[in-house]
Amino acid sequence: MSGSRLRHWTCLARHVTGGEVIVPQGSYFVLGDNRDQSLDSRYWGFVSSGDVIGKPLMIYDSEVLSSEEITQPRTFARHPVRWERLFRLL
């Protein structure tokens, strides 16, 4: 893992409280549309609300993950799907 990735993993791990990732006020946790192949907030940290110029349209996919799985590099194992959230318009 590169130095910058390790630095961001360490930063993300510091924001885990009681098994949950706590996103700082005024920030967003952004996931790429191809979570296993995308560089996103797991790699470059939280995004300031002032840097967001668009808005989300819908939730495309939603899986149940533990905080340990969120803060570790992703494997190809499938997790339980949160069916009630799939394709929900925001």
PDB file of N, CA and C in Angstrom:
ATOM      1  N   MET A   1       0.855  -1.172   0.000  1.00  0.00           N
ATOM      2  CA  MET A   1       0.000   0.000   0.000  1.00  0.00           C
ATOM      3  C   MET A   1       0.895   1.227   0.000  1.00  0.00           C
ATOM      4  N   SER A   2       0.578   2.192  -0.848  1.00  0.00           N
ATOM      5  CA  SER A   2       1.405   3.395  -0.948  1.00  0.00           C
ATOM      6  C   SER A   2       1.277   4.228   0.326  1.00  0.00           C
ATOM      7  N   GLY A   3       2.213   5.143   0.520  1.00  0.00           N
ATOM      8  CA  GLY A   3       2.222   5.991   1.708  1.00  0.00           C
ATOM      9  C   GLY A   3       0.961   6.817   1.863  1.00  0.00           C
ATOM     10  N   SER A   4       0.464   7.402   0.752  1.00  0.00           N
ATOM     11  CA  SER A   4      -0.745   8.226   0.858  1.00  0.00           C
ATOM     12  C   SER A   4      -1.968   7.373   1.172  1.00  0.00           C
ATOM     13  N   ARG A   5      -2.049   6.169   0.585  1.00  0.00           N
ATOM     14  CA  ARG A   5      -3.182   5.290   0.897  1.00  0.00           C
ATOM     15  C   ARG A   5      -3.152   4.880   2.360  1.00  0.00           C
ATOM     16  N   LEU A   6      -1.977   4.520   2.861  1.00  0.00           N
ATOM     17  CA  LEU A   6      -1.839   4.123   4.261  1.00  0.00           C
ATOM     18  C   LEU A   6      -2.245   5.276   5.171  1.00  0.00           C
ATOM     19  N   ARG A   7      -1.846   6.495   4.832  1.00  0.00           N
ATOM     20  CA  ARG A   7      -2.185   7.674   5.622  1.00  0.00           C
ATOM     21  C   ARG A   7      -3.701   7.850   5.695  1.00  0.00           C
ATOM     22  N   HIS A   8      -4.398   7.648   4.565  1.00  0.00           N
ATOM     23  CA  HIS A   8      -5.851   7.813   4.561  1.00  0.00           C
ATOM     24  C   HIS A   8      -6.559   6.675   5.278  1.00  0.00           C
ATOM     25  N   TRP A   9      -6.045   5.424   5.163  1.00  0.00           N
ATOM     26  CA  TRP A   9      -6.616   4.309   5.922  1.00  0.00           C
ATOM     27  C   TRP A   9      -6.498   4.606   7.412  1.00  0.00           C
ATOM     28  N   THR A  10      -5.360   5.130   7.833  1.00  0.00           N
ATOM     29  CA  THR A  10      -5.147   5.454   9.234  1.00  0.00           C
ATOM     30  C   THR A  10      -6.116   6.540   9.669  1.00  0.00           C
ATOM     31  N   CYS A  11      -6.312   7.560   8.835  1.00  0.00           N
ATOM     32  CA  CYS A  11      -7.254   8.643   9.127  1.00  0.00           C
ATOM     33  C   CYS A  11      -8.667   8.086   9.246  1.00  0.00           C
ATOM     34  N   LEU A  12      -9.068   7.232   8.317  1.00  0.00           N
ATOM     35  CA  LEU A  12     -10.410   6.644   8.351  1.00  0.00           C
ATOM     36  C   LEU A  12     -10.594   5.812   9.615  1.00  0.00           C
ATOM     37  N   ALA A  13      -9.619   5.012   9.959  1.00  0.00           N
ATOM     38  CA  ALA A  13      -9.715   4.163  11.152  1.00  0.00           C
ATOM     39  C   ALA A  13      -9.902   5.001  12.420  1.00  0.00           C
ATOM     40  N   ARG A  14      -9.349   6.215  12.467  1.00  0.00           N
ATOM     41  CA  ARG A  14      -9.510   7.093  13.632  1.00  0.00           C
ATOM     42  C   ARG A  14     -10.944   7.586  13.779  1.00  0.00           C
ATOM     43  N   HIS A  15     -11.736   7.503  12.724  1.00  0.00           N
ATOM     44  CA  HIS A  15     -13.125   7.972  12.764  1.00  0.00           C
ATOM     45  C   HIS A  15     -14.114   6.846  13.026  1.00  0.00           C
ATOM     46  N   VAL A  16     -13.629   5.680  13.458  1.00  0.00           N
ATOM     47  CA  VAL A  16     -14.517   4.569  13.815  1.00  0.00           C
ATOM     48  C   VAL A  16     -14.793   4.654  15.309  1.00  0.00           C
ATOM     49  N   THR A  17     -16.084   4.767  15.661  1.00  0.00           N
ATOM     50  CA  THR A  17     -16.512   4.850  17.050  1.00  0.00           C
ATOM     51  C   THR A  17     -17.635   3.854  17.272  1.00  0.00           C
ATOM     52  N   GLY A  18     -17.469   2.967  18.225  1.00  0.00           N
ATOM     53  CA  GLY A  18     -18.509   1.989  18.509  1.00  0.00           C
ATOM     54  C   GLY A  18     -18.841   1.107  17.315  1.00  0.00           C
ATOM     55  N   GLY A  19     -17.854   0.823  16.471  1.00  0.00           N
ATOM     56  CA  GLY A  19     -18.070  -0.028  15.315  1.00  0.00           C
ATOM     57  C   GLY A  19     -18.655   0.679  14.105  1.00  0.00           C
ATOM     58  N   GLU A  20     -18.813   2.000  14.153  1.00  0.00           N
ATOM     59  CA  GLU A  20     -19.380   2.777  13.048  1.00  0.00           C
ATOM     60  C   GLU A  20     -18.388   3.841  12.587  1.00  0.00           C
ATOM     61  N   VAL A  21     -18.354   4.091  11.272  1.00  0.00           N
ATOM     62  CA  VAL A  21     -17.546   5.196  10.746  1.00  0.00           C
ATOM     63  C   VAL A  21     -18.346   6.468  10.957  1.00  0.00           C
ATOM     64  N   ILE A  22     -17.783   7.417  11.691  1.00  0.00           N
ATOM     65  CA  ILE A  22     -18.442   8.698  11.961  1.00  0.00           C
ATOM     66  C   ILE A  22     -17.863   9.737  11.007  1.00  0.00           C
ATOM     67  N   VAL A  23     -18.706  10.241  10.123  1.00  0.00           N
ATOM     68  CA  VAL A  23     -18.278  11.246   9.141  1.00  0.00           C
ATOM     69  C   VAL A  23     -18.325  12.616   9.828  1.00  0.00           C
ATOM     70  N   PRO A  24     -17.229  13.365   9.776  1.00  0.00           N
ATOM     71  CA  PRO A  24     -17.207  14.678  10.434  1.00  0.00           C
ATOM     72  C   PRO A  24     -18.281  15.615   9.871  1.00  0.00           C
ATOM     73  N   GLN A  25     -18.802  16.471  10.734  1.00  0.00           N
ATOM     74  CA  GLN A  25     -19.791  17.481  10.332  1.00  0.00           C
ATOM     75  C   GLN A  25     -19.247  18.289   9.157  1.00  0.00           C
ATOM     76  N   GLY A  26     -20.076  18.527   8.156  1.00  0.00           N
ATOM     77  CA  GLY A  26     -19.670  19.312   6.990  1.00  0.00           C
ATOM     78  C   GLY A  26     -18.874  18.515   5.971  1.00  0.00           C
ATOM     79  N   SER A  27     -18.859  17.186   6.113  1.00  0.00           N
ATOM     80  CA  SER A  27     -18.112  16.322   5.198  1.00  0.00           C
ATOM     81  C   SER A  27     -19.002  15.191   4.699  1.00  0.00           C
ATOM     82  N   TYR A  28     -18.537  14.537   3.631  1.00  0.00           N
ATOM     83  CA  TYR A  28     -19.224  13.377   3.074  1.00  0.00           C
ATOM     84  C   TYR A  28     -18.234  12.239   2.914  1.00  0.00           C
ATOM     85  N   PHE A  29     -18.754  11.001   3.013  1.00  0.00           N
ATOM     86  CA  PHE A  29     -17.991   9.806   2.707  1.00  0.00           C
ATOM     87  C   PHE A  29     -18.469   9.370   1.330  1.00  0.00           C
ATOM     88  N   VAL A  30     -17.596   9.382   0.339  1.00  0.00           N
ATOM     89  CA  VAL A  30     -17.965   9.134  -1.049  1.00  0.00           C
ATOM     90  C   VAL A  30     -17.432   7.790  -1.511  1.00  0.00           C
ATOM     91  N   LEU A  31     -18.335   6.953  -2.067  1.00  0.00           N
ATOM     92  CA  LEU A  31     -17.937   5.677  -2.649  1.00  0.00           C
ATOM     93  C   LEU A  31     -18.006   5.766  -4.160  1.00  0.00           C
ATOM     94  N   GLY A  32     -17.051   5.132  -4.822  1.00  0.00           N
ATOM     95  CA  GLY A  32     -17.075   5.071  -6.276  1.00  0.00           C
ATOM     96  C   GLY A  32     -18.158   4.127  -6.756  1.00  0.00           C
ATOM     97  N   ASP A  33     -18.521   4.214  -8.019  1.00  0.00           N
ATOM     98  CA  ASP A  33     -19.591   3.364  -8.535  1.00  0.00           C
ATOM     99  C   ASP A  33     -19.143   1.923  -8.751  1.00  0.00           C
ATOM    100  N   ASN A  34     -17.853   1.670  -8.690  1.00  0.00           N
ATOM    101  CA  ASN A  34     -17.327   0.310  -8.759  1.00  0.00           C
ATOM    102  C   ASN A  34     -16.414   0.149  -7.550  1.00  0.00           C
ATOM    103  N   ARG A  35     -17.033  -0.084  -6.416  1.00  0.00           N
ATOM    104  CA  ARG A  35     -16.338  -0.030  -5.129  1.00  0.00           C
ATOM    105  C   ARG A  35     -15.039  -0.816  -5.094  1.00  0.00           C
ATOM    106  N   ASP A  36     -15.004  -1.997  -5.744  1.00  0.00           N
ATOM    107  CA  ASP A  36     -13.796  -2.812  -5.701  1.00  0.00           C
ATOM    108  C   ASP A  36     -12.663  -2.242  -6.548  1.00  0.00           C
ATOM    109  N   GLN A  37     -12.968  -1.409  -7.512  1.00  0.00           N
ATOM    110  CA  GLN A  37     -11.953  -0.874  -8.420  1.00  0.00           C
ATOM    111  C   GLN A  37     -11.797   0.646  -8.335  1.00  0.00           C
ATOM    112  N   SER A  38     -12.654   1.324  -7.586  1.00  0.00           N
ATOM    113  CA  SER A  38     -12.642   2.786  -7.524  1.00  0.00           C
ATOM    114  C   SER A  38     -11.761   3.293  -6.392  1.00  0.00           C
ATOM    115  N   LEU A  39     -11.120   4.401  -6.636  1.00  0.00           N
ATOM    116  CA  LEU A  39     -10.479   5.138  -5.551  1.00  0.00           C
ATOM    117  C   LEU A  39     -11.529   6.119  -5.049  1.00  0.00           C
ATOM    118  N   ASP A  40     -11.802   6.093  -3.754  1.00  0.00           N
ATOM    119  CA  ASP A  40     -12.864   6.911  -3.186  1.00  0.00           C
ATOM    120  C   ASP A  40     -12.461   7.340  -1.784  1.00  0.00           C
ATOM    121  N   SER A  41     -13.423   7.672  -0.932  1.00  0.00           N
ATOM    122  CA  SER A  41     -13.101   8.178   0.404  1.00  0.00           C
ATOM    123  C   SER A  41     -12.285   7.207   1.245  1.00  0.00           C
ATOM    124  N   ARG A  42     -12.317   5.926   0.914  1.00  0.00           N
ATOM    125  CA  ARG A  42     -11.469   4.975   1.636  1.00  0.00           C
ATOM    126  C   ARG A  42     -10.001   5.231   1.332  1.00  0.00           C
ATOM    127  N   TYR A  43      -9.698   5.879   0.231  1.00  0.00           N
ATOM    128  CA  TYR A  43      -8.320   6.136  -0.193  1.00  0.00           C
ATOM    129  C   TYR A  43      -7.919   7.590  -0.011  1.00  0.00           C
ATOM    130  N   TRP A  44      -8.823   8.548  -0.313  1.00  0.00           N
ATOM    131  CA  TRP A  44      -8.424   9.945  -0.225  1.00  0.00           C
ATOM    132  C   TRP A  44      -9.165  10.728   0.832  1.00  0.00           C
ATOM    133  N   GLY A  45      -9.899  10.044   1.706  1.00  0.00           N
ATOM    134  CA  GLY A  45     -10.510  10.694   2.863  1.00  0.00           C
ATOM    135  C   GLY A  45     -11.879  11.296   2.588  1.00  0.00           C
ATOM    136  N   PHE A  46     -12.383  11.996   3.579  1.00  0.00           N
ATOM    137  CA  PHE A  46     -13.700  12.614   3.494  1.00  0.00           C
ATOM    138  C   PHE A  46     -13.674  13.810   2.538  1.00  0.00           C
ATOM    139  N   VAL A  47     -14.837  14.140   1.996  1.00  0.00           N
ATOM    140  CA  VAL A  47     -14.967  15.262   1.071  1.00  0.00           C
ATOM    141  C   VAL A  47     -15.729  16.380   1.783  1.00  0.00           C
ATOM    142  N   SER A  48     -15.181  17.571   1.738  1.00  0.00           N
ATOM    143  CA  SER A  48     -15.839  18.730   2.340  1.00  0.00           C
ATOM    144  C   SER A  48     -17.116  19.060   1.579  1.00  0.00           C
ATOM    145  N   SER A  49     -18.175  19.434   2.304  1.00  0.00           N
ATOM    146  CA  SER A  49     -19.443  19.771   1.645  1.00  0.00           C
ATOM    147  C   SER A  49     -19.279  20.940   0.675  1.00  0.00           C
ATOM    148  N   GLY A  50     -18.308  21.808   0.912  1.00  0.00           N
ATOM    149  CA  GLY A  50     -18.052  22.928   0.009  1.00  0.00           C
ATOM    150  C   GLY A  50     -17.480  22.500  -1.332  1.00  0.00           C
ATOM    151  N   ASP A  51     -16.970  21.273  -1.414  1.00  0.00           N
ATOM    152  CA  ASP A  51     -16.399  20.760  -2.658  1.00  0.00           C
ATOM    153  C   ASP A  51     -17.404  19.977  -3.498  1.00  0.00           C
ATOM    154  N   VAL A  52     -18.628  19.809  -3.001  1.00  0.00           N
ATOM    155  CA  VAL A  52     -19.657  19.045  -3.722  1.00  0.00           C
ATOM    156  C   VAL A  52     -20.470  20.000  -4.581  1.00  0.00           C
ATOM    157  N   ILE A  53     -20.535  19.709  -5.890  1.00  0.00           N
ATOM    158  CA  ILE A  53     -21.268  20.602  -6.792  1.00  0.00           C
ATOM    159  C   ILE A  53     -22.514  19.944  -7.389  1.00  0.00           C
ATOM    160  N   GLY A  54     -22.726  18.674  -7.114  1.00  0.00           N
ATOM    161  CA  GLY A  54     -23.901  17.969  -7.624  1.00  0.00           C
ATOM    162  C   GLY A  54     -24.672  17.360  -6.477  1.00  0.00           C
ATOM    163  N   LYS A  55     -25.625  16.506  -6.808  1.00  0.00           N
ATOM    164  CA  LYS A  55     -26.352  15.788  -5.770  1.00  0.00           C
ATOM    165  C   LYS A  55     -26.633  14.370  -6.256  1.00  0.00           C
ATOM    166  N   PRO A  56     -26.770  13.415  -5.328  1.00  0.00           N
ATOM    167  CA  PRO A  56     -27.009  12.029  -5.735  1.00  0.00           C
ATOM    168  C   PRO A  56     -28.399  11.861  -6.326  1.00  0.00           C
ATOM    169  N   LEU A  57     -28.520  10.894  -7.220  1.00  0.00           N
ATOM    170  CA  LEU A  57     -29.797  10.608  -7.861  1.00  0.00           C
ATOM    171  C   LEU A  57     -30.484   9.408  -7.222  1.00  0.00           C
ATOM    172  N   MET A  58     -29.715   8.318  -7.003  1.00  0.00           N
ATOM    173  CA  MET A  58     -30.306   7.129  -6.406  1.00  0.00           C
ATOM    174  C   MET A  58     -29.245   6.256  -5.763  1.00  0.00           C
ATOM    175  N   ILE A  59     -29.709   5.319  -4.928  1.00  0.00           N
ATOM    176  CA  ILE A  59     -28.842   4.299  -4.346  1.00  0.00           C
ATOM    177  C   ILE A  59     -28.896   3.113  -5.288  1.00  0.00           C
ATOM    178  N   TYR A  60     -27.763   2.767  -5.859  1.00  0.00           N
ATOM    179  CA  TYR A  60     -27.701   1.690  -6.846  1.00  0.00           C
ATOM    180  C   TYR A  60     -27.522   0.332  -6.189  1.00  0.00           C
ATOM    181  N   ASP A  61     -26.655   0.251  -5.169  1.00  0.00           N
ATOM    182  CA  ASP A  61     -26.359  -1.011  -4.506  1.00  0.00           C
ATOM    183  C   ASP A  61     -26.112  -0.720  -3.039  1.00  0.00           C
ATOM    184  N   SER A  62     -26.468  -1.650  -2.173  1.00  0.00           N
ATOM    185  CA  SER A  62     -26.265  -1.446  -0.749  1.00  0.00           C
ATOM    186  C   SER A  62     -26.060  -2.792  -0.072  1.00  0.00           C
ATOM    187  N   GLU A  63     -24.885  -2.981   0.523  1.00  0.00           N
ATOM    188  CA  GLU A  63     -24.554  -4.220   1.214  1.00  0.00           C
ATOM    189  C   GLU A  63     -24.302  -3.940   2.684  1.00  0.00           C
ATOM    190  N   VAL A  64     -24.522  -4.948   3.499  1.00  0.00           N
ATOM    191  CA  VAL A  64     -24.243  -4.862   4.931  1.00  0.00           C
ATOM    192  C   VAL A  64     -22.759  -5.166   5.131  1.00  0.00           C
ATOM    193  N   LEU A  65     -22.012  -4.189   5.673  1.00  0.00           N
ATOM    194  CA  LEU A  65     -20.585  -4.365   5.943  1.00  0.00           C
ATOM    195  C   LEU A  65     -20.288  -3.953   7.378  1.00  0.00           C
ATOM    196  N   SER A  66     -19.396  -4.665   8.019  1.00  0.00           N
ATOM    197  CA  SER A  66     -18.952  -4.268   9.354  1.00  0.00           C
ATOM    198  C   SER A  66     -17.946  -3.134   9.226  1.00  0.00           C
ATOM    199  N   SER A  67     -17.696  -2.437  10.332  1.00  0.00           N
ATOM    200  CA  SER A  67     -16.723  -1.345  10.280  1.00  0.00           C
ATOM    201  C   SER A  67     -15.327  -1.866   9.946  1.00  0.00           C
ATOM    202  N   GLU A  68     -15.021  -3.108  10.355  1.00  0.00           N
ATOM    203  CA  GLU A  68     -13.713  -3.676  10.021  1.00  0.00           C
ATOM    204  C   GLU A  68     -13.600  -3.883   8.507  1.00  0.00           C
ATOM    205  N   GLU A  69     -14.687  -4.328   7.872  1.00  0.00           N
ATOM    206  CA  GLU A  69     -14.670  -4.534   6.428  1.00  0.00           C
ATOM    207  C   GLU A  69     -14.573  -3.206   5.680  1.00  0.00           C
ATOM    208  N   ILE A  70     -15.200  -2.154   6.215  1.00  0.00           N
ATOM    209  CA  ILE A  70     -15.144  -0.837   5.569  1.00  0.00           C
ATOM    210  C   ILE A  70     -13.730  -0.284   5.598  1.00  0.00           C
ATOM    211  N   THR A  71     -13.013  -0.510   6.703  1.00  0.00           N
ATOM    212  CA  THR A  71     -11.686   0.077   6.853  1.00  0.00           C
ATOM    213  C   THR A  71     -10.565  -0.815   6.337  1.00  0.00           C
ATOM    214  N   GLN A  72     -10.898  -1.950   5.716  1.00  0.00           N
ATOM    215  CA  GLN A  72      -9.892  -2.851   5.152  1.00  0.00           C
ATOM    216  C   GLN A  72     -10.073  -2.929   3.636  1.00  0.00           C
ATOM    217  N   PRO A  73      -8.995  -3.231   2.914  1.00  0.00           N
ATOM    218  CA  PRO A  73      -9.146  -3.406   1.459  1.00  0.00           C
ATOM    219  C   PRO A  73     -10.209  -4.459   1.170  1.00  0.00           C
ATOM    220  N   ARG A  74     -10.993  -4.229   0.166  1.00  0.00           N
ATOM    221  CA  ARG A  74     -12.159  -5.056  -0.157  1.00  0.00           C
ATOM    222  C   ARG A  74     -11.762  -6.376  -0.798  1.00  0.00           C
ATOM    223  N   THR A  75     -12.456  -7.443  -0.400  1.00  0.00           N
ATOM    224  CA  THR A  75     -12.303  -8.741  -1.045  1.00  0.00           C
ATOM    225  C   THR A  75     -13.482  -8.938  -1.991  1.00  0.00           C
ATOM    226  N   PHE A  76     -13.501 -10.037  -2.723  1.00  0.00           N
ATOM    227  CA  PHE A  76     -14.592 -10.284  -3.653  1.00  0.00           C
ATOM    228  C   PHE A  76     -15.748 -11.041  -3.002  1.00  0.00           C
ATOM    229  N   ALA A  77     -15.697 -11.251  -1.689  1.00  0.00           N
ATOM    230  CA  ALA A  77     -16.788 -11.934  -0.995  1.00  0.00           C
ATOM    231  C   ALA A  77     -18.043 -11.069  -1.026  1.00  0.00           C
ATOM    232  N   ARG A  78     -19.180 -11.678  -1.287  1.00  0.00           N
ATOM    233  CA  ARG A  78     -20.451 -10.958  -1.287  1.00  0.00           C
ATOM    234  C   ARG A  78     -20.979 -10.875   0.139  1.00  0.00           C
ATOM    235  N   HIS A  79     -21.673  -9.803   0.425  1.00  0.00           N
ATOM    236  CA  HIS A  79     -22.268  -9.581   1.729  1.00  0.00           C
ATOM    237  C   HIS A  79     -23.782  -9.499   1.571  1.00  0.00           C
ATOM    238  N   PRO A  80     -24.522  -9.644   2.684  1.00  0.00           N
ATOM    239  CA  PRO A  80     -25.977  -9.538   2.572  1.00  0.00           C
ATOM    240  C   PRO A  80     -26.392  -8.206   1.943  1.00  0.00           C
ATOM    241  N   VAL A  81     -27.351  -8.268   1.048  1.00  0.00           N
ATOM    242  CA  VAL A  81     -27.845  -7.077   0.350  1.00  0.00           C
ATOM    243  C   VAL A  81     -28.961  -6.445   1.165  1.00  0.00           C
ATOM    244  N   ARG A  82     -28.951  -5.112   1.241  1.00  0.00           N
ATOM    245  CA  ARG A  82     -30.056  -4.383   1.871  1.00  0.00           C
ATOM    246  C   ARG A  82     -31.068  -4.082   0.772  1.00  0.00           C
ATOM    247  N   TRP A  83     -31.956  -5.054   0.493  1.00  0.00           N
ATOM    248  CA  TRP A  83     -32.884  -4.989  -0.639  1.00  0.00           C
ATOM    249  C   TRP A  83     -33.760  -3.746  -0.615  1.00  0.00           C
ATOM    250  N   GLU A  84     -34.168  -3.304   0.575  1.00  0.00           N
ATOM    251  CA  GLU A  84     -35.071  -2.155   0.674  1.00  0.00           C
ATOM    252  C   GLU A  84     -34.419  -0.854   0.193  1.00  0.00           C
ATOM    253  N   ARG A  85     -33.093  -0.837   0.060  1.00  0.00           N
ATOM    254  CA  ARG A  85     -32.387   0.374  -0.385  1.00  0.00           C
ATOM    255  C   ARG A  85     -32.046   0.356  -1.876  1.00  0.00           C
ATOM    256  N   LEU A  86     -32.100  -0.813  -2.513  1.00  0.00           N
ATOM    257  CA  LEU A  86     -31.699  -0.910  -3.926  1.00  0.00           C
ATOM    258  C   LEU A  86     -32.556  -0.020  -4.809  1.00  0.00           C
ATOM    259  N   PHE A  87     -31.898   0.737  -5.662  1.00  0.00           N
ATOM    260  CA  PHE A  87     -32.527   1.600  -6.677  1.00  0.00           C
ATOM    261  C   PHE A  87     -33.469   2.649  -6.066  1.00  0.00           C
ATOM    262  N   ARG A  88     -33.258   2.997  -4.805  1.00  0.00           N
ATOM    263  CA  ARG A  88     -34.088   4.015  -4.169  1.00  0.00           C
ATOM    264  C   ARG A  88     -33.713   5.390  -4.698  1.00  0.00           C
ATOM    265  N   LEU A  89     -34.694   6.115  -5.197  1.00  0.00           N
ATOM    266  CA  LEU A  89     -34.454   7.488  -5.656  1.00  0.00           C
ATOM    267  C   LEU A  89     -34.304   8.392  -4.444  1.00  0.00           C
ATOM    268  N   LEU A  90     -33.367   9.314  -4.542  1.00  0.00           N
ATOM    269  CA  LEU A  90     -33.114  10.232  -3.418  1.00  0.00           C
ATOM    270  C   LEU A  90     -33.734  11.582  -3.669  1.00  0.00           C
TER     271      LEU A  90
END
